[in-house]
N, C-alpha and C. Protein backbone atom coordinates (compact mmCIF):
# COMPACT_ATOMS: atom_id res chain seq x y z
N SER A 1 90.83 188.27 40.87
CA SER A 1 91.07 186.89 40.45
C SER A 1 89.91 186.39 39.61
N THR A 2 90.21 185.49 38.70
CA THR A 2 89.15 184.97 37.83
C THR A 2 88.56 183.72 38.43
N ASN A 3 87.31 183.49 38.12
CA ASN A 3 86.62 182.30 38.60
C ASN A 3 86.85 181.18 37.60
N SER A 4 87.73 180.26 37.93
CA SER A 4 88.12 179.24 36.95
C SER A 4 87.01 178.21 36.72
N SER A 5 86.13 178.04 37.69
CA SER A 5 85.12 176.99 37.54
C SER A 5 84.15 177.31 36.41
N SER A 6 83.86 178.58 36.20
CA SER A 6 82.89 178.92 35.17
C SER A 6 83.46 178.68 33.78
N SER A 7 84.76 178.88 33.60
CA SER A 7 85.34 178.69 32.28
C SER A 7 85.56 177.22 31.98
N SER A 8 85.83 176.42 33.01
CA SER A 8 86.16 175.01 32.75
C SER A 8 84.92 174.18 32.45
N SER A 9 83.75 174.64 32.88
CA SER A 9 82.55 173.84 32.66
C SER A 9 81.62 174.56 31.69
N GLY A 10 82.16 174.97 30.57
CA GLY A 10 81.39 175.74 29.61
C GLY A 10 80.59 174.86 28.68
N SER A 11 80.90 174.91 27.40
CA SER A 11 80.06 174.29 26.40
C SER A 11 80.23 172.77 26.34
N ASP A 12 81.13 172.20 27.13
CA ASP A 12 81.30 170.75 27.06
C ASP A 12 80.14 170.01 27.72
N GLY A 13 79.30 170.73 28.42
CA GLY A 13 78.09 170.12 28.95
C GLY A 13 78.27 169.41 30.28
N SER A 14 79.48 169.42 30.83
CA SER A 14 79.67 168.68 32.08
C SER A 14 78.88 169.32 33.22
N SER A 15 78.77 170.65 33.21
CA SER A 15 78.02 171.29 34.29
C SER A 15 76.54 170.94 34.20
N LYS A 16 76.00 170.85 32.98
CA LYS A 16 74.59 170.47 32.82
C LYS A 16 74.39 169.03 33.27
N LYS A 17 75.34 168.16 32.95
CA LYS A 17 75.24 166.78 33.41
C LYS A 17 75.20 166.73 34.93
N ASP A 18 76.07 167.51 35.57
CA ASP A 18 76.07 167.54 37.04
C ASP A 18 74.72 168.02 37.56
N GLU A 19 74.16 169.04 36.92
CA GLU A 19 72.86 169.57 37.35
C GLU A 19 71.77 168.50 37.21
N ILE A 20 71.78 167.79 36.11
CA ILE A 20 70.77 166.75 35.87
C ILE A 20 70.87 165.66 36.92
N ILE A 21 72.10 165.23 37.20
CA ILE A 21 72.30 164.15 38.18
C ILE A 21 71.88 164.62 39.57
N GLU A 22 72.25 165.85 39.94
CA GLU A 22 71.86 166.36 41.25
C GLU A 22 70.34 166.46 41.36
N TYR A 23 69.70 166.89 40.27
CA TYR A 23 68.23 166.99 40.27
C TYR A 23 67.61 165.61 40.43
N ALA A 24 68.14 164.63 39.70
CA ALA A 24 67.60 163.27 39.80
C ALA A 24 67.71 162.74 41.23
N LYS A 25 68.81 163.07 41.91
CA LYS A 25 69.03 162.57 43.27
C LYS A 25 68.03 163.14 44.27
N LYS A 26 67.40 164.28 43.90
CA LYS A 26 66.40 164.86 44.80
C LYS A 26 65.21 163.92 44.98
N PHE A 27 65.03 162.99 44.05
CA PHE A 27 63.86 162.11 44.08
C PHE A 27 64.18 160.72 44.65
N LEU A 28 65.37 160.55 45.19
CA LEU A 28 65.70 159.28 45.85
C LEU A 28 64.66 159.02 46.93
N GLY A 29 64.15 157.80 46.95
CA GLY A 29 63.16 157.44 47.96
C GLY A 29 61.71 157.60 47.51
N VAL A 30 61.50 158.22 46.33
CA VAL A 30 60.12 158.33 45.82
C VAL A 30 59.63 156.93 45.45
N PRO A 31 58.41 156.56 45.83
CA PRO A 31 57.95 155.19 45.57
C PRO A 31 57.75 154.91 44.08
N TYR A 32 58.01 153.66 43.72
CA TYR A 32 57.70 153.20 42.37
C TYR A 32 56.19 153.06 42.24
N VAL A 33 55.66 153.65 41.18
CA VAL A 33 54.24 153.48 40.85
C VAL A 33 54.16 153.13 39.37
N TRP A 34 53.53 152.02 39.04
CA TRP A 34 53.44 151.60 37.64
C TRP A 34 52.73 152.68 36.85
N GLY A 35 53.37 153.16 35.76
CA GLY A 35 52.79 154.23 34.96
C GLY A 35 52.98 155.61 35.56
N GLY A 36 53.69 155.70 36.69
CA GLY A 36 53.84 156.97 37.38
C GLY A 36 54.78 157.91 36.66
N LYS A 37 54.38 159.17 36.57
CA LYS A 37 55.16 160.16 35.83
C LYS A 37 55.36 161.44 36.63
N THR A 38 55.08 161.42 37.94
CA THR A 38 55.21 162.61 38.78
C THR A 38 55.96 162.26 40.06
N PRO A 39 56.43 163.29 40.79
CA PRO A 39 57.18 163.02 42.03
C PRO A 39 56.37 162.34 43.13
N SER A 40 55.07 162.16 42.95
CA SER A 40 54.33 161.37 43.93
C SER A 40 54.52 159.88 43.69
N GLY A 41 55.05 159.52 42.52
CA GLY A 41 55.35 158.13 42.20
C GLY A 41 55.80 158.02 40.76
N PHE A 42 56.91 157.30 40.55
CA PHE A 42 57.49 157.15 39.21
C PHE A 42 57.58 155.68 38.84
N ASP A 43 57.40 155.38 37.54
CA ASP A 43 57.94 154.12 37.04
C ASP A 43 59.26 154.46 36.36
N CYS A 44 59.94 153.47 35.80
CA CYS A 44 61.32 153.69 35.34
C CYS A 44 61.39 154.76 34.27
N SER A 45 60.56 154.65 33.26
CA SER A 45 60.64 155.60 32.15
C SER A 45 59.98 156.93 32.50
N GLY A 46 58.97 156.90 33.36
CA GLY A 46 58.37 158.14 33.83
C GLY A 46 59.37 158.99 34.59
N PHE A 47 60.21 158.34 35.40
CA PHE A 47 61.25 159.04 36.15
C PHE A 47 62.27 159.67 35.20
N VAL A 48 62.78 158.89 34.26
CA VAL A 48 63.81 159.38 33.35
C VAL A 48 63.28 160.54 32.51
N SER A 49 62.07 160.39 31.97
CA SER A 49 61.53 161.46 31.12
C SER A 49 61.26 162.72 31.95
N TYR A 50 60.79 162.57 33.20
CA TYR A 50 60.53 163.73 34.06
C TYR A 50 61.82 164.51 34.31
N ILE A 51 62.90 163.80 34.60
CA ILE A 51 64.17 164.46 34.89
C ILE A 51 64.63 165.26 33.68
N PHE A 52 64.67 164.62 32.51
CA PHE A 52 65.22 165.29 31.33
C PHE A 52 64.28 166.37 30.81
N ASN A 53 62.97 166.16 30.91
CA ASN A 53 62.03 167.20 30.46
C ASN A 53 62.22 168.49 31.26
N ASN A 54 62.62 168.36 32.53
CA ASN A 54 62.87 169.53 33.36
C ASN A 54 63.99 170.39 32.80
N PHE A 55 64.88 169.78 32.02
CA PHE A 55 66.01 170.49 31.43
C PHE A 55 65.80 170.76 29.94
N GLY A 56 64.56 170.64 29.49
CA GLY A 56 64.24 170.97 28.12
C GLY A 56 64.59 169.89 27.11
N ILE A 57 64.83 168.68 27.60
CA ILE A 57 65.13 167.55 26.72
C ILE A 57 63.91 166.64 26.72
N SER A 58 63.20 166.62 25.61
CA SER A 58 61.91 165.94 25.55
C SER A 58 62.09 164.45 25.28
N LEU A 59 61.66 163.63 26.23
CA LEU A 59 61.70 162.18 26.09
C LEU A 59 60.31 161.62 26.39
N THR A 60 59.87 160.65 25.63
CA THR A 60 58.59 160.02 25.94
C THR A 60 58.75 159.09 27.14
N PRO A 61 57.71 158.93 27.95
CA PRO A 61 57.81 158.12 29.16
C PRO A 61 57.57 156.63 28.90
N TYR A 62 58.12 156.11 27.81
CA TYR A 62 57.97 154.69 27.47
C TYR A 62 59.32 154.18 26.99
N THR A 63 59.80 153.10 27.57
CA THR A 63 61.15 152.64 27.25
C THR A 63 61.31 152.32 25.77
N TYR A 64 60.27 151.74 25.15
CA TYR A 64 60.44 151.24 23.79
C TYR A 64 60.49 152.36 22.75
N THR A 65 60.00 153.56 23.10
CA THR A 65 60.20 154.71 22.22
C THR A 65 61.42 155.52 22.66
N MET A 66 61.64 155.60 23.96
CA MET A 66 62.77 156.36 24.50
C MET A 66 64.10 155.85 23.97
N VAL A 67 64.20 154.55 23.77
CA VAL A 67 65.46 153.97 23.34
C VAL A 67 65.89 154.49 21.96
N ASN A 68 64.94 155.04 21.21
CA ASN A 68 65.23 155.59 19.89
C ASN A 68 65.30 157.10 19.87
N GLU A 69 65.26 157.75 21.04
CA GLU A 69 65.20 159.20 21.11
C GLU A 69 66.56 159.85 21.38
N GLY A 70 67.61 159.12 21.12
CA GLY A 70 68.96 159.66 21.27
C GLY A 70 69.89 158.90 20.36
N THR A 71 71.17 158.99 20.65
CA THR A 71 72.19 158.30 19.86
C THR A 71 72.69 157.09 20.63
N LYS A 72 72.59 155.91 20.05
CA LYS A 72 73.11 154.71 20.72
C LYS A 72 74.64 154.77 20.73
N VAL A 73 75.21 154.50 21.89
CA VAL A 73 76.67 154.47 22.03
C VAL A 73 77.09 153.14 22.62
N ASP A 74 78.33 152.80 22.42
CA ASP A 74 78.86 151.55 22.97
C ASP A 74 78.96 151.66 24.48
N VAL A 75 78.68 150.58 25.17
CA VAL A 75 78.71 150.59 26.64
C VAL A 75 80.10 150.97 27.14
N ASN A 76 81.14 150.68 26.36
CA ASN A 76 82.49 151.03 26.78
C ASN A 76 82.75 152.53 26.70
N SER A 77 81.86 153.26 26.03
CA SER A 77 82.00 154.71 25.91
C SER A 77 81.01 155.45 26.81
N ILE A 78 80.42 154.74 27.77
CA ILE A 78 79.36 155.31 28.59
C ILE A 78 79.84 156.55 29.34
N GLN A 79 78.94 157.54 29.44
CA GLN A 79 79.22 158.77 30.16
C GLN A 79 78.05 159.09 31.09
N PRO A 80 78.32 159.88 32.14
CA PRO A 80 77.23 160.30 33.01
C PRO A 80 76.10 160.94 32.21
N CYS A 81 74.88 160.66 32.60
CA CYS A 81 73.62 161.12 31.99
C CYS A 81 73.23 160.30 30.77
N ASP A 82 74.02 159.33 30.37
CA ASP A 82 73.55 158.41 29.33
C ASP A 82 72.41 157.57 29.90
N LEU A 83 71.43 157.25 29.05
CA LEU A 83 70.34 156.37 29.45
C LEU A 83 70.80 154.93 29.31
N VAL A 84 70.52 154.11 30.30
CA VAL A 84 70.91 152.70 30.26
C VAL A 84 69.64 151.84 30.29
N PHE A 85 69.55 150.94 29.32
CA PHE A 85 68.37 150.08 29.16
C PHE A 85 68.75 148.64 29.48
N PHE A 86 67.82 147.95 30.14
CA PHE A 86 68.04 146.57 30.57
C PHE A 86 66.86 145.70 30.15
N HIS A 87 67.04 144.40 30.27
CA HIS A 87 65.95 143.44 30.08
C HIS A 87 65.26 143.65 28.73
N ASN A 88 66.07 143.66 27.66
CA ASN A 88 65.50 143.87 26.32
C ASN A 88 64.65 145.15 26.25
N THR A 89 65.18 146.21 26.82
CA THR A 89 64.58 147.54 26.79
C THR A 89 63.34 147.64 27.69
N GLY A 90 63.14 146.69 28.56
CA GLY A 90 62.00 146.77 29.47
C GLY A 90 62.24 147.66 30.68
N HIS A 91 63.49 148.08 30.89
CA HIS A 91 63.82 148.91 32.05
C HIS A 91 64.85 149.95 31.64
N VAL A 92 64.78 151.13 32.27
CA VAL A 92 65.71 152.21 31.95
C VAL A 92 66.11 152.95 33.21
N GLY A 93 67.34 153.45 33.20
CA GLY A 93 67.83 154.31 34.27
C GLY A 93 68.79 155.33 33.69
N ILE A 94 69.35 156.16 34.56
CA ILE A 94 70.29 157.21 34.16
C ILE A 94 71.65 156.87 34.76
N PHE A 95 72.65 156.68 33.90
CA PHE A 95 74.01 156.42 34.38
C PHE A 95 74.54 157.70 35.03
N ILE A 96 75.15 157.57 36.22
CA ILE A 96 75.63 158.76 36.92
C ILE A 96 77.13 158.73 37.16
N GLY A 97 77.82 157.76 36.58
CA GLY A 97 79.27 157.67 36.77
C GLY A 97 79.63 156.69 37.86
N ASP A 98 80.92 156.36 37.94
CA ASP A 98 81.44 155.45 38.98
C ASP A 98 80.66 154.15 39.06
N ASP A 99 80.29 153.62 37.90
CA ASP A 99 79.60 152.33 37.82
C ASP A 99 78.27 152.33 38.58
N GLN A 100 77.59 153.49 38.58
CA GLN A 100 76.30 153.60 39.26
C GLN A 100 75.26 154.20 38.33
N PHE A 101 74.00 153.83 38.56
CA PHE A 101 72.90 154.46 37.83
C PHE A 101 71.74 154.66 38.79
N ILE A 102 70.90 155.64 38.47
CA ILE A 102 69.74 155.97 39.30
C ILE A 102 68.49 155.57 38.53
N HIS A 103 67.54 154.95 39.22
CA HIS A 103 66.36 154.42 38.53
C HIS A 103 65.23 154.18 39.52
N ALA A 104 64.04 153.97 38.95
CA ALA A 104 62.87 153.55 39.72
C ALA A 104 62.67 152.07 39.41
N PRO A 105 63.06 151.17 40.32
CA PRO A 105 63.20 149.75 39.95
C PRO A 105 61.91 149.00 39.66
N HIS A 106 61.01 148.86 40.63
CA HIS A 106 59.83 148.01 40.44
C HIS A 106 58.87 148.23 41.59
N THR A 107 57.67 147.72 41.46
CA THR A 107 56.66 147.85 42.49
C THR A 107 57.20 147.38 43.84
N GLY A 108 56.93 148.17 44.87
CA GLY A 108 57.41 147.85 46.21
C GLY A 108 58.76 148.44 46.51
N ASP A 109 59.38 149.10 45.52
CA ASP A 109 60.70 149.69 45.72
C ASP A 109 60.58 151.21 45.55
N VAL A 110 61.72 151.90 45.65
CA VAL A 110 61.76 153.36 45.55
C VAL A 110 62.89 153.76 44.61
N VAL A 111 62.86 155.02 44.17
CA VAL A 111 63.96 155.54 43.36
C VAL A 111 65.26 155.37 44.14
N LYS A 112 66.25 154.75 43.51
CA LYS A 112 67.49 154.44 44.21
C LYS A 112 68.66 154.43 43.23
N ILE A 113 69.85 154.38 43.80
CA ILE A 113 71.08 154.24 43.02
C ILE A 113 71.54 152.80 43.14
N SER A 114 71.82 152.18 41.99
CA SER A 114 72.27 150.79 41.96
C SER A 114 73.60 150.67 41.24
N ASN A 115 74.26 149.54 41.46
CA ASN A 115 75.52 149.25 40.78
C ASN A 115 75.23 148.83 39.35
N PHE A 116 75.87 149.48 38.39
CA PHE A 116 75.57 149.26 36.98
C PHE A 116 76.05 147.89 36.49
N SER A 117 77.32 147.57 36.74
CA SER A 117 77.88 146.37 36.11
C SER A 117 77.30 145.09 36.69
N SER A 118 76.81 145.15 37.92
CA SER A 118 76.26 143.93 38.52
C SER A 118 74.74 143.86 38.40
N TYR A 119 74.11 144.88 37.79
CA TYR A 119 72.64 144.90 37.77
C TYR A 119 72.08 143.90 36.78
N GLY A 120 72.76 143.72 35.67
CA GLY A 120 72.20 142.77 34.71
C GLY A 120 72.55 143.14 33.29
N ASP A 121 71.72 142.67 32.40
CA ASP A 121 72.01 142.71 30.97
C ASP A 121 71.64 144.07 30.37
N CYS A 122 72.57 145.00 30.38
CA CYS A 122 72.33 146.28 29.71
C CYS A 122 72.34 146.03 28.21
N ASN A 123 71.22 146.30 27.55
CA ASN A 123 71.14 146.01 26.11
C ASN A 123 71.26 147.26 25.25
N ALA A 124 71.25 148.45 25.85
CA ALA A 124 71.43 149.66 25.05
C ALA A 124 71.88 150.80 25.96
N VAL A 125 72.76 151.64 25.42
CA VAL A 125 73.16 152.90 26.06
C VAL A 125 72.83 153.99 25.06
N VAL A 126 72.04 154.99 25.50
CA VAL A 126 71.56 156.04 24.59
C VAL A 126 71.95 157.40 25.17
N ARG A 127 72.56 158.22 24.32
CA ARG A 127 73.01 159.56 24.72
C ARG A 127 72.00 160.58 24.22
N VAL A 128 71.50 161.40 25.13
CA VAL A 128 70.49 162.40 24.76
C VAL A 128 70.99 163.82 24.95
N LEU A 129 72.22 164.00 25.45
CA LEU A 129 72.80 165.33 25.63
C LEU A 129 73.83 165.58 24.55
């Protein structure tokens, strides 16, 4: 019998998206550290760049440059692994599907999954895959 899962998740990138999201979830609970770029503590952009750099996708750990390091897409076309920016690009997370995104929120908090549509003013969606 043939393994259908390997053929269905080929070059469309869905399997890589799943891998990226699963990898990001390994860091749930890591404390927010301002300027943090390692698993001992992340800030929002440090977390996002660390995750994608692990998969060979180079992103700078600063929201204001990261927002220009992919293709901007309409929020209505959002897909898992798209970067979501809030507060006039002052905050970033990774959309993971089902109206959820994973991010390192702010001092005193930890890497967590939040509800996307109720979080606030998403001002940019950027596709890097």
